[in-house]
């Protein structure tokens, strides 16, 4: 059964960021900029949470009610990250504030990085929700989401101060989240979360009326689990 402790932790992180961002916005922000930048930050925190759950750290299994529930939350967090990022993209002001030199602003790669990140994020969301794709084909393409994560980090870290103040209270939260997310990403992508994996053999495959039963036999050590 799904446990809510982990969900409360993710929601709490998002709420803390939102409150801090709204309480200490950059001076040059208007309400629209403050709100849409906040949505971008929330999307990044949800994406970071999704990546962190892919580490499959055993210590957090009880927070969600098991590994399968962790992956359910991983997926839902990814979907909400993509949807929130879309609202951020269409809502953030495209015109520069008064007094900003457009030539100076043009040297920032934030816009193109954000656009690329959003495109790949939406494509990744479509692939993730498409049940017709074989898992053997889906898994390698899903790892491309790591590239998306770096694009998003580049997007907000190169954003002009008129949109994102890196060393504001909310900016520091995003930077800390980025560090945690990058470590978690390398940990999972390079297979460090497989060090405790145990090999099993397929002993039998039984066709049932509405399902297929796969009987597994441990090669060496039996998996220690709680039903």
C-alpha atoms as a PDB file:
ATOM      1  CA  UNK A   1       0.000   0.000   0.000  1.00  0.00           C
ATOM      2  CA  UNK A   2       1.220   3.473  -0.846  1.00  0.00           C
ATOM      3  CA  UNK A   3       2.587   5.306   2.187  1.00  0.00           C
ATOM      4  CA  UNK A   4       2.228   9.090   2.291  1.00  0.00           C
ATOM      5  CA  UNK A   5       5.393   9.994   4.199  1.00  0.00           C
ATOM      6  CA  UNK A   6       7.457  10.288   1.022  1.00  0.00           C
ATOM      7  CA  UNK A   7       4.720  12.198  -0.803  1.00  0.00           C
ATOM      8  CA  UNK A   8       4.465  14.645   2.096  1.00  0.00           C
ATOM      9  CA  UNK A   9       8.243  15.137   1.894  1.00  0.00           C
ATOM     10  CA  UNK A  10       8.056  16.062  -1.812  1.00  0.00           C
ATOM     11  CA  UNK A  11       5.029  18.315  -1.315  1.00  0.00           C
ATOM     12  CA  UNK A  12       6.733  19.913   1.687  1.00  0.00           C
ATOM     13  CA  UNK A  13       9.857  20.672  -0.359  1.00  0.00           C
ATOM     14  CA  UNK A  14       7.746  22.302  -3.080  1.00  0.00           C
ATOM     15  CA  UNK A  15       5.778  24.348  -0.531  1.00  0.00           C
ATOM     16  CA  UNK A  16       8.933  25.549   1.240  1.00  0.00           C
ATOM     17  CA  UNK A  17      10.379  26.674  -2.089  1.00  0.00           C
ATOM     18  CA  UNK A  18       7.130  28.421  -3.087  1.00  0.00           C
ATOM     19  CA  UNK A  19       6.813  30.259   0.227  1.00  0.00           C
ATOM     20  CA  UNK A  20      10.469  31.348   0.217  1.00  0.00           C
ATOM     21  CA  UNK A  21      10.258  32.439  -3.424  1.00  0.00           C
ATOM     22  CA  UNK A  22       7.101  34.476  -2.869  1.00  0.00           C
ATOM     23  CA  UNK A  23       8.412  35.972   0.374  1.00  0.00           C
ATOM     24  CA  UNK A  24      11.758  37.091  -1.073  1.00  0.00           C
ATOM     25  CA  UNK A  25      11.307  37.786  -4.802  1.00  0.00           C
ATOM     26  CA  UNK A  26      13.960  39.751  -6.741  1.00  0.00           C
ATOM     27  CA  UNK A  27      13.267  43.471  -6.670  1.00  0.00           C
ATOM     28  CA  UNK A  28      12.802  43.752 -10.438  1.00  0.00           C
ATOM     29  CA  UNK A  29      10.124  41.042 -10.593  1.00  0.00           C
ATOM     30  CA  UNK A  30       6.521  41.865 -11.396  1.00  0.00           C
ATOM     31  CA  UNK A  31       3.829  39.439 -10.115  1.00  0.00           C
ATOM     32  CA  UNK A  32       3.699  37.556 -13.437  1.00  0.00           C
ATOM     33  CA  UNK A  33       7.451  37.000 -13.523  1.00  0.00           C
ATOM     34  CA  UNK A  34       7.517  35.931  -9.880  1.00  0.00           C
ATOM     35  CA  UNK A  35       4.719  33.421 -10.414  1.00  0.00           C
ATOM     36  CA  UNK A  36       5.980  31.860 -13.633  1.00  0.00           C
ATOM     37  CA  UNK A  37       9.575  31.620 -12.388  1.00  0.00           C
ATOM     38  CA  UNK A  38       8.200  29.915  -9.282  1.00  0.00           C
ATOM     39  CA  UNK A  39       6.437  27.365 -11.512  1.00  0.00           C
ATOM     40  CA  UNK A  40       9.712  26.721 -13.317  1.00  0.00           C
ATOM     41  CA  UNK A  41      11.412  26.098  -9.982  1.00  0.00           C
ATOM     42  CA  UNK A  42       8.634  23.741  -8.892  1.00  0.00           C
ATOM     43  CA  UNK A  43       8.993  21.798 -12.159  1.00  0.00           C
ATOM     44  CA  UNK A  44      12.723  21.432 -11.512  1.00  0.00           C
ATOM     45  CA  UNK A  45      12.177  20.248  -7.926  1.00  0.00           C
ATOM     46  CA  UNK A  46       9.656  17.642  -9.119  1.00  0.00           C
ATOM     47  CA  UNK A  47      12.115  16.465 -11.766  1.00  0.00           C
ATOM     48  CA  UNK A  48      14.846  16.262  -9.125  1.00  0.00           C
ATOM     49  CA  UNK A  49      12.545  14.243  -6.867  1.00  0.00           C
ATOM     50  CA  UNK A  50      11.810  11.870  -9.743  1.00  0.00           C
ATOM     51  CA  UNK A  51      15.520  11.391 -10.430  1.00  0.00           C
ATOM     52  CA  UNK A  52      16.266  10.904  -6.733  1.00  0.00           C
ATOM     53  CA  UNK A  53      13.666   8.129  -6.503  1.00  0.00           C
ATOM     54  CA  UNK A  54      15.354   6.320  -9.408  1.00  0.00           C
ATOM     55  CA  UNK A  55      18.326   5.638  -7.113  1.00  0.00           C
ATOM     56  CA  UNK A  56      16.137   2.994  -5.412  1.00  0.00           C
ATOM     57  CA  UNK A  57      17.713   3.690  -2.025  1.00  0.00           C
ATOM     58  CA  UNK A  58      16.353   1.111   0.378  1.00  0.00           C
ATOM     59  CA  UNK A  59      16.194   3.579   3.250  1.00  0.00           C
ATOM     60  CA  UNK A  60      13.321   5.417   1.528  1.00  0.00           C
ATOM     61  CA  UNK A  61      11.214   2.373   0.617  1.00  0.00           C
ATOM     62  CA  UNK A  62       9.196   2.549   3.831  1.00  0.00           C
ATOM     63  CA  UNK A  63       8.436   6.208   3.076  1.00  0.00           C
ATOM     64  CA  UNK A  64       6.453   5.167   0.001  1.00  0.00           C
ATOM     65  CA  UNK A  65       5.359   1.622   0.819  1.00  0.00           C
ATOM     66  CA  UNK A  66       7.858  -0.334  -1.259  1.00  0.00           C
ATOM     67  CA  UNK A  67       9.972  -0.066  -4.374  1.00  0.00           C
ATOM     68  CA  UNK A  68       7.032  -0.398  -6.754  1.00  0.00           C
ATOM     69  CA  UNK A  69       5.294   2.545  -5.061  1.00  0.00           C
ATOM     70  CA  UNK A  70       8.501   4.585  -5.275  1.00  0.00           C
ATOM     71  CA  UNK A  71       8.470   4.094  -9.047  1.00  0.00           C
ATOM     72  CA  UNK A  72       4.800   5.068  -9.240  1.00  0.00           C
ATOM     73  CA  UNK A  73       5.610   8.350  -7.497  1.00  0.00           C
ATOM     74  CA  UNK A  74       8.713   8.678  -9.727  1.00  0.00           C
ATOM     75  CA  UNK A  75       6.470   8.551 -12.769  1.00  0.00           C
ATOM     76  CA  UNK A  76       3.768  10.873 -11.428  1.00  0.00           C
ATOM     77  CA  UNK A  77       6.384  13.428 -10.337  1.00  0.00           C
ATOM     78  CA  UNK A  78       7.862  13.347 -13.838  1.00  0.00           C
ATOM     79  CA  UNK A  79       4.455  13.937 -15.435  1.00  0.00           C
ATOM     80  CA  UNK A  80       3.693  16.898 -13.156  1.00  0.00           C
ATOM     81  CA  UNK A  81       7.190  18.285 -13.791  1.00  0.00           C
ATOM     82  CA  UNK A  82       6.525  18.318 -17.543  1.00  0.00           C
ATOM     83  CA  UNK A  83       3.068  19.874 -17.174  1.00  0.00           C
ATOM     84  CA  UNK A  84       4.349  22.564 -14.796  1.00  0.00           C
ATOM     85  CA  UNK A  85       7.265  23.294 -17.138  1.00  0.00           C
ATOM     86  CA  UNK A  86       4.797  23.828 -19.995  1.00  0.00           C
ATOM     87  CA  UNK A  87       2.801  26.352 -17.951  1.00  0.00           C
ATOM     88  CA  UNK A  88       6.072  28.058 -17.007  1.00  0.00           C
ATOM     89  CA  UNK A  89       7.144  28.293 -20.656  1.00  0.00           C
ATOM     90  CA  UNK A  90       3.875  29.738 -21.954  1.00  0.00           C
ATOM     91  CA  UNK A  91       3.399  32.047 -18.978  1.00  0.00           C
ATOM     92  CA  UNK A  92       6.859  33.563 -18.448  1.00  0.00           C
ATOM     93  CA  UNK A  93       7.169  37.061 -19.999  1.00  0.00           C
ATOM     94  CA  UNK A  94       8.849  37.012 -23.401  1.00  0.00           C
ATOM     95  CA  UNK A  95       9.417  40.759 -23.485  1.00  0.00           C
ATOM     96  CA  UNK A  96      12.371  42.272 -21.638  1.00  0.00           C
ATOM     97  CA  UNK A  97      11.774  44.617 -18.714  1.00  0.00           C
ATOM     98  CA  UNK A  98      12.207  48.319 -19.364  1.00  0.00           C
ATOM     99  CA  UNK A  99      15.814  49.481 -19.249  1.00  0.00           C
ATOM    100  CA  UNK A 100      17.366  46.099 -20.108  1.00  0.00           C
ATOM    101  CA  UNK A 101      19.853  46.151 -22.977  1.00  0.00           C
ATOM    102  CA  UNK A 102      18.687  43.499 -25.508  1.00  0.00           C
ATOM    103  CA  UNK A 103      22.227  43.092 -26.847  1.00  0.00           C
ATOM    104  CA  UNK A 104      23.546  42.161 -23.421  1.00  0.00           C
ATOM    105  CA  UNK A 105      20.567  39.866 -22.819  1.00  0.00           C
ATOM    106  CA  UNK A 106      21.133  38.094 -26.153  1.00  0.00           C
ATOM    107  CA  UNK A 107      24.471  36.622 -25.009  1.00  0.00           C
ATOM    108  CA  UNK A 108      22.715  34.467 -22.399  1.00  0.00           C
ATOM    109  CA  UNK A 109      22.014  30.901 -23.652  1.00  0.00           C
ATOM    110  CA  UNK A 110      19.201  30.445 -21.143  1.00  0.00           C
ATOM    111  CA  UNK A 111      16.375  30.668 -23.682  1.00  0.00           C
ATOM    112  CA  UNK A 112      17.665  28.065 -26.184  1.00  0.00           C
ATOM    113  CA  UNK A 113      18.649  25.688 -23.369  1.00  0.00           C
ATOM    114  CA  UNK A 114      15.197  25.971 -21.846  1.00  0.00           C
ATOM    115  CA  UNK A 115      13.509  25.424 -25.208  1.00  0.00           C
ATOM    116  CA  UNK A 116      15.575  22.292 -25.921  1.00  0.00           C
ATOM    117  CA  UNK A 117      14.979  20.993 -22.421  1.00  0.00           C
ATOM    118  CA  UNK A 118      11.222  21.480 -22.753  1.00  0.00           C
ATOM    119  CA  UNK A 119      11.073  19.771 -26.168  1.00  0.00           C
ATOM    120  CA  UNK A 120      12.966  16.705 -24.938  1.00  0.00           C
ATOM    121  CA  UNK A 121      10.955  16.687 -21.710  1.00  0.00           C
ATOM    122  CA  UNK A 122       7.661  16.560 -23.603  1.00  0.00           C
ATOM    123  CA  UNK A 123       9.012  13.854 -25.938  1.00  0.00           C
ATOM    124  CA  UNK A 124      10.237  11.897 -22.918  1.00  0.00           C
ATOM    125  CA  UNK A 125       6.813  12.280 -21.283  1.00  0.00           C
ATOM    126  CA  UNK A 126       5.110  10.915 -24.414  1.00  0.00           C
ATOM    127  CA  UNK A 127       7.481   7.936 -24.530  1.00  0.00           C
ATOM    128  CA  UNK A 128       7.109   7.260 -20.808  1.00  0.00           C
ATOM    129  CA  UNK A 129       3.304   7.149 -21.062  1.00  0.00           C
ATOM    130  CA  UNK A 130       3.234   5.083 -24.263  1.00  0.00           C
ATOM    131  CA  UNK A 131       2.531   1.515 -23.148  1.00  0.00           C
ATOM    132  CA  UNK A 132       3.019   0.145 -26.677  1.00  0.00           C
ATOM    133  CA  UNK A 133       6.806   0.677 -26.562  1.00  0.00           C
ATOM    134  CA  UNK A 134       8.768  -2.397 -25.491  1.00  0.00           C
ATOM    135  CA  UNK A 135      10.642  -1.992 -22.218  1.00  0.00           C
ATOM    136  CA  UNK A 136      13.917  -3.016 -23.904  1.00  0.00           C
ATOM    137  CA  UNK A 137      13.526  -0.049 -26.247  1.00  0.00           C
ATOM    138  CA  UNK A 138      12.026   2.313 -23.708  1.00  0.00           C
ATOM    139  CA  UNK A 139      14.760   2.005 -21.091  1.00  0.00           C
ATOM    140  CA  UNK A 140      17.695   3.357 -23.198  1.00  0.00           C
ATOM    141  CA  UNK A 141      15.603   6.272 -24.474  1.00  0.00           C
ATOM    142  CA  UNK A 142      14.472   7.093 -20.933  1.00  0.00           C
ATOM    143  CA  UNK A 143      18.086   7.637 -19.932  1.00  0.00           C
ATOM    144  CA  UNK A 144      18.094  10.647 -22.274  1.00  0.00           C
ATOM    145  CA  UNK A 145      16.160  12.406 -19.514  1.00  0.00           C
ATOM    146  CA  UNK A 146      19.530  12.863 -17.849  1.00  0.00           C
ATOM    147  CA  UNK A 147      20.493  15.169 -20.733  1.00  0.00           C
ATOM    148  CA  UNK A 148      17.229  17.048 -20.250  1.00  0.00           C
ATOM    149  CA  UNK A 149      18.110  17.546 -16.589  1.00  0.00           C
ATOM    150  CA  UNK A 150      21.442  19.154 -17.497  1.00  0.00           C
ATOM    151  CA  UNK A 151      19.712  21.370 -20.075  1.00  0.00           C
ATOM    152  CA  UNK A 152      17.288  22.590 -17.409  1.00  0.00           C
ATOM    153  CA  UNK A 153      20.129  23.288 -14.980  1.00  0.00           C
ATOM    154  CA  UNK A 154      21.895  25.245 -17.718  1.00  0.00           C
ATOM    155  CA  UNK A 155      18.652  27.083 -18.432  1.00  0.00           C
ATOM    156  CA  UNK A 156      18.190  28.571 -14.986  1.00  0.00           C
ATOM    157  CA  UNK A 157      21.869  28.924 -14.102  1.00  0.00           C
ATOM    158  CA  UNK A 158      22.489  31.086 -17.184  1.00  0.00           C
ATOM    159  CA  UNK A 159      19.257  33.053 -16.855  1.00  0.00           C
ATOM    160  CA  UNK A 160      19.721  36.828 -16.437  1.00  0.00           C
ATOM    161  CA  UNK A 161      19.209  38.204 -12.956  1.00  0.00           C
ATOM    162  CA  UNK A 162      16.047  39.938 -14.164  1.00  0.00           C
ATOM    163  CA  UNK A 163      14.453  36.461 -14.214  1.00  0.00           C
ATOM    164  CA  UNK A 164      16.464  34.385 -11.740  1.00  0.00           C
ATOM    165  CA  UNK A 165      18.580  35.530  -8.823  1.00  0.00           C
ATOM    166  CA  UNK A 166      20.940  32.640  -8.181  1.00  0.00           C
ATOM    167  CA  UNK A 167      21.860  33.627  -4.639  1.00  0.00           C
ATOM    168  CA  UNK A 168      18.395  34.523  -3.455  1.00  0.00           C
ATOM    169  CA  UNK A 169      16.834  32.215  -0.862  1.00  0.00           C
ATOM    170  CA  UNK A 170      14.832  30.278  -3.458  1.00  0.00           C
ATOM    171  CA  UNK A 171      17.783  30.259  -5.866  1.00  0.00           C
ATOM    172  CA  UNK A 172      19.978  28.569  -3.269  1.00  0.00           C
ATOM    173  CA  UNK A 173      17.297  25.890  -2.809  1.00  0.00           C
ATOM    174  CA  UNK A 174      17.392  25.160  -6.547  1.00  0.00           C
ATOM    175  CA  UNK A 175      21.192  25.036  -6.596  1.00  0.00           C
ATOM    176  CA  UNK A 176      21.242  22.559  -3.693  1.00  0.00           C
ATOM    177  CA  UNK A 177      18.572  20.498  -5.458  1.00  0.00           C
ATOM    178  CA  UNK A 178      20.679  20.527  -8.637  1.00  0.00           C
ATOM    179  CA  UNK A 179      23.725  19.180  -6.783  1.00  0.00           C
ATOM    180  CA  UNK A 180      21.652  16.406  -5.180  1.00  0.00           C
ATOM    181  CA  UNK A 181      19.978  15.645  -8.509  1.00  0.00           C
ATOM    182  CA  UNK A 182      23.257  15.380 -10.448  1.00  0.00           C
ATOM    183  CA  UNK A 183      24.725  13.006  -7.855  1.00  0.00           C
ATOM    184  CA  UNK A 184      21.540  10.900  -7.938  1.00  0.00           C
ATOM    185  CA  UNK A 185      21.571  10.916 -11.738  1.00  0.00           C
ATOM    186  CA  UNK A 186      25.121   9.591 -11.985  1.00  0.00           C
ATOM    187  CA  UNK A 187      24.384   7.088  -9.234  1.00  0.00           C
ATOM    188  CA  UNK A 188      21.458   5.563 -11.153  1.00  0.00           C
ATOM    189  CA  UNK A 189      22.557   5.992 -14.790  1.00  0.00           C
ATOM    190  CA  UNK A 190      25.932   4.341 -14.207  1.00  0.00           C
ATOM    191  CA  UNK A 191      24.387   1.423 -12.358  1.00  0.00           C
ATOM    192  CA  UNK A 192      25.644   2.107  -8.860  1.00  0.00           C
ATOM    193  CA  UNK A 193      22.130   1.291  -7.632  1.00  0.00           C
ATOM    194  CA  UNK A 194      22.636  -2.268  -8.959  1.00  0.00           C
ATOM    195  CA  UNK A 195      25.444  -3.169  -6.560  1.00  0.00           C
ATOM    196  CA  UNK A 196      23.017  -4.949  -4.254  1.00  0.00           C
ATOM    197  CA  UNK A 197      21.195  -6.736  -7.094  1.00  0.00           C
ATOM    198  CA  UNK A 198      20.835 -10.518  -6.797  1.00  0.00           C
ATOM    199  CA  UNK A 199      20.791 -12.881  -9.820  1.00  0.00           C
ATOM    200  CA  UNK A 200      17.773 -15.130 -10.413  1.00  0.00           C
ATOM    201  CA  UNK A 201      16.962 -17.762 -13.040  1.00  0.00           C
ATOM    202  CA  UNK A 202      13.622 -18.280 -14.740  1.00  0.00           C
ATOM    203  CA  UNK A 203      12.419 -21.686 -13.547  1.00  0.00           C
ATOM    204  CA  UNK A 204       9.036 -21.747 -15.260  1.00  0.00           C
ATOM    205  CA  UNK A 205       6.650 -19.604 -17.295  1.00  0.00           C
ATOM    206  CA  UNK A 206       2.994 -20.476 -16.748  1.00  0.00           C
ATOM    207  CA  UNK A 207       0.223 -19.091 -18.942  1.00  0.00           C
ATOM    208  CA  UNK A 208      -2.763 -18.238 -16.750  1.00  0.00           C
ATOM    209  CA  UNK A 209      -6.220 -17.096 -17.819  1.00  0.00           C
ATOM    210  CA  UNK A 210      -5.541 -13.349 -17.676  1.00  0.00           C
ATOM    211  CA  UNK A 211      -1.852 -13.159 -16.827  1.00  0.00           C
ATOM    212  CA  UNK A 212       1.492 -14.888 -17.214  1.00  0.00           C
ATOM    213  CA  UNK A 213       3.191 -16.287 -14.112  1.00  0.00           C
ATOM    214  CA  UNK A 214       7.001 -16.235 -14.104  1.00  0.00           C
ATOM    215  CA  UNK A 215       8.593 -18.459 -11.456  1.00  0.00           C
ATOM    216  CA  UNK A 216      12.098 -17.344 -10.422  1.00  0.00           C
ATOM    217  CA  UNK A 217      14.808 -19.288  -8.587  1.00  0.00           C
ATOM    218  CA  UNK A 218      17.746 -17.569  -6.853  1.00  0.00           C
ATOM    219  CA  UNK A 219      21.158 -18.365  -8.317  1.00  0.00           C
ATOM    220  CA  UNK A 220      22.875 -17.767  -4.985  1.00  0.00           C
ATOM    221  CA  UNK A 221      21.416 -15.693  -2.164  1.00  0.00           C
ATOM    222  CA  UNK A 222      17.678 -15.310  -1.707  1.00  0.00           C
ATOM    223  CA  UNK A 223      16.214 -11.807  -1.718  1.00  0.00           C
ATOM    224  CA  UNK A 224      15.382 -10.532   1.753  1.00  0.00           C
ATOM    225  CA  UNK A 225      12.037  -8.781   1.417  1.00  0.00           C
ATOM    226  CA  UNK A 226       8.921  -7.745   3.241  1.00  0.00           C
ATOM    227  CA  UNK A 227       5.637  -8.671   1.507  1.00  0.00           C
END
